[in-house]
Amino acid sequence: MRTGDVFLGSKRLSPYDLPEGIQRRINQGSEKKIYISADARAKYGRVREVLEAIQKSGVENVAFLAYEGKPHPVH
């Protein structure tokens, strides 16, 4: 979000907590692919932190979702 908040599903997390949260979801059966929804207002530094956290989780398949108009939340 433009505020710098990061979500995994509907749960707000810090980028520091993302690797553990991602691994927990994978262990529960989620696919090993991450979808990032960030619009033009997102701060580059925060997006970079999220990408680094994803890399630490071991997930290599990352997709960016782009929308025309208002973004839709991803859960």
C-alpha atoms as a PDB file:
ATOM      1  CA  MET A   1       0.000   0.000   0.000  1.00  0.00           C
ATOM      2  CA  ARG A   2       1.112   3.598  -0.432  1.00  0.00           C
ATOM      3  CA  THR A   3       1.350   3.812   3.359  1.00  0.00           C
ATOM      4  CA  GLY A   4       4.084   1.171   3.245  1.00  0.00           C
ATOM      5  CA  ASP A   5       1.886  -1.505   4.826  1.00  0.00           C
ATOM      6  CA  VAL A   6       2.597  -5.046   3.648  1.00  0.00           C
ATOM      7  CA  PHE A   7       0.007  -7.806   3.646  1.00  0.00           C
ATOM      8  CA  LEU A   8       0.162 -11.566   3.275  1.00  0.00           C
ATOM      9  CA  GLY A   9      -3.433 -12.366   2.399  1.00  0.00           C
ATOM     10  CA  SER A  10      -5.428 -10.122   4.707  1.00  0.00           C
ATOM     11  CA  LYS A  11      -2.853 -10.128   7.519  1.00  0.00           C
ATOM     12  CA  ARG A  12      -0.585  -7.097   7.866  1.00  0.00           C
ATOM     13  CA  LEU A  13       3.065  -8.046   8.419  1.00  0.00           C
ATOM     14  CA  SER A  14       6.455  -6.435   8.377  1.00  0.00           C
ATOM     15  CA  PRO A  15       8.769  -7.493   5.532  1.00  0.00           C
ATOM     16  CA  TYR A  16      10.936  -9.072   8.260  1.00  0.00           C
ATOM     17  CA  ASP A  17       8.090 -11.504   9.100  1.00  0.00           C
ATOM     18  CA  LEU A  18       7.237 -12.374   5.488  1.00  0.00           C
ATOM     19  CA  PRO A  19       9.633 -15.320   4.956  1.00  0.00           C
ATOM     20  CA  GLU A  20       8.195 -17.206   7.936  1.00  0.00           C
ATOM     21  CA  GLY A  21       4.618 -16.333   6.960  1.00  0.00           C
ATOM     22  CA  ILE A  22       5.193 -17.462   3.375  1.00  0.00           C
ATOM     23  CA  GLN A  23       6.753 -20.742   4.485  1.00  0.00           C
ATOM     24  CA  ARG A  24       3.864 -21.385   6.883  1.00  0.00           C
ATOM     25  CA  ARG A  25       1.356 -20.948   4.042  1.00  0.00           C
ATOM     26  CA  ILE A  26       3.338 -23.219   1.714  1.00  0.00           C
ATOM     27  CA  ASN A  27       3.465 -25.874   4.443  1.00  0.00           C
ATOM     28  CA  GLN A  28      -0.330 -25.580   4.693  1.00  0.00           C
ATOM     29  CA  GLY A  29      -0.690 -26.314   0.971  1.00  0.00           C
ATOM     30  CA  SER A  30      -0.529 -22.925  -0.768  1.00  0.00           C
ATOM     31  CA  GLU A  31       1.116 -22.837  -4.172  1.00  0.00           C
ATOM     32  CA  LYS A  32       4.784 -21.881  -4.272  1.00  0.00           C
ATOM     33  CA  LYS A  33       4.118 -18.650  -6.172  1.00  0.00           C
ATOM     34  CA  ILE A  34       3.827 -15.099  -4.863  1.00  0.00           C
ATOM     35  CA  TYR A  35       1.581 -12.456  -6.390  1.00  0.00           C
ATOM     36  CA  ILE A  36       2.538  -8.852  -5.657  1.00  0.00           C
ATOM     37  CA  SER A  37      -0.069  -6.162  -6.024  1.00  0.00           C
ATOM     38  CA  ALA A  38       1.542  -2.718  -5.832  1.00  0.00           C
ATOM     39  CA  ASP A  39       0.379   0.398  -7.629  1.00  0.00           C
ATOM     40  CA  ALA A  40       2.348   3.414  -8.796  1.00  0.00           C
ATOM     41  CA  ARG A  41       2.077   5.003  -5.330  1.00  0.00           C
ATOM     42  CA  ALA A  42       4.040   2.190  -3.673  1.00  0.00           C
ATOM     43  CA  LYS A  43       7.487   3.193  -2.504  1.00  0.00           C
ATOM     44  CA  TYR A  44      10.271   1.442  -4.414  1.00  0.00           C
ATOM     45  CA  GLY A  45      12.267   0.797  -1.242  1.00  0.00           C
ATOM     46  CA  ARG A  46       9.363  -1.054   0.357  1.00  0.00           C
ATOM     47  CA  VAL A  47       8.770  -3.161  -2.769  1.00  0.00           C
ATOM     48  CA  ARG A  48      12.473  -4.037  -2.754  1.00  0.00           C
ATOM     49  CA  GLU A  49      12.253  -5.093   0.910  1.00  0.00           C
ATOM     50  CA  VAL A  50       9.302  -7.346   0.052  1.00  0.00           C
ATOM     51  CA  LEU A  51      11.189  -8.915  -2.864  1.00  0.00           C
ATOM     52  CA  GLU A  52      14.183  -9.583  -0.611  1.00  0.00           C
ATOM     53  CA  ALA A  53      11.889 -11.180   1.989  1.00  0.00           C
ATOM     54  CA  ILE A  54      10.340 -13.394  -0.686  1.00  0.00           C
ATOM     55  CA  GLN A  55      13.807 -14.459  -1.790  1.00  0.00           C
ATOM     56  CA  LYS A  56      14.648 -15.432   1.811  1.00  0.00           C
ATOM     57  CA  SER A  57      11.541 -17.634   1.894  1.00  0.00           C
ATOM     58  CA  GLY A  58      12.932 -19.685  -0.994  1.00  0.00           C
ATOM     59  CA  VAL A  59      10.100 -18.871  -3.405  1.00  0.00           C
ATOM     60  CA  GLU A  60      11.398 -18.047  -6.871  1.00  0.00           C
ATOM     61  CA  ASN A  61       8.128 -17.691  -8.797  1.00  0.00           C
ATOM     62  CA  VAL A  62       6.899 -14.093  -8.361  1.00  0.00           C
ATOM     63  CA  ALA A  63       4.235 -12.321 -10.403  1.00  0.00           C
ATOM     64  CA  PHE A  64       3.310  -8.635 -10.339  1.00  0.00           C
ATOM     65  CA  LEU A  65      -0.377  -7.885 -10.771  1.00  0.00           C
ATOM     66  CA  ALA A  66      -1.176  -4.741 -12.746  1.00  0.00           C
ATOM     67  CA  TYR A  67      -4.608  -3.165 -12.984  1.00  0.00           C
ATOM     68  CA  GLU A  68      -6.093  -0.369 -14.980  1.00  0.00           C
ATOM     69  CA  GLY A  69      -7.923   1.947 -12.630  1.00  0.00           C
ATOM     70  CA  LYS A  70      -8.384   1.048  -8.958  1.00  0.00           C
ATOM     71  CA  PRO A  71      -6.394  -1.966  -7.732  1.00  0.00           C
ATOM     72  CA  HIS A  72      -8.289  -4.919  -6.310  1.00  0.00           C
ATOM     73  CA  PRO A  73      -7.119  -6.535  -3.082  1.00  0.00           C
ATOM     74  CA  VAL A  74      -5.542  -9.971  -3.424  1.00  0.00           C
ATOM     75  CA  HIS A  75      -6.242 -12.538  -0.713  1.00  0.00           C
END
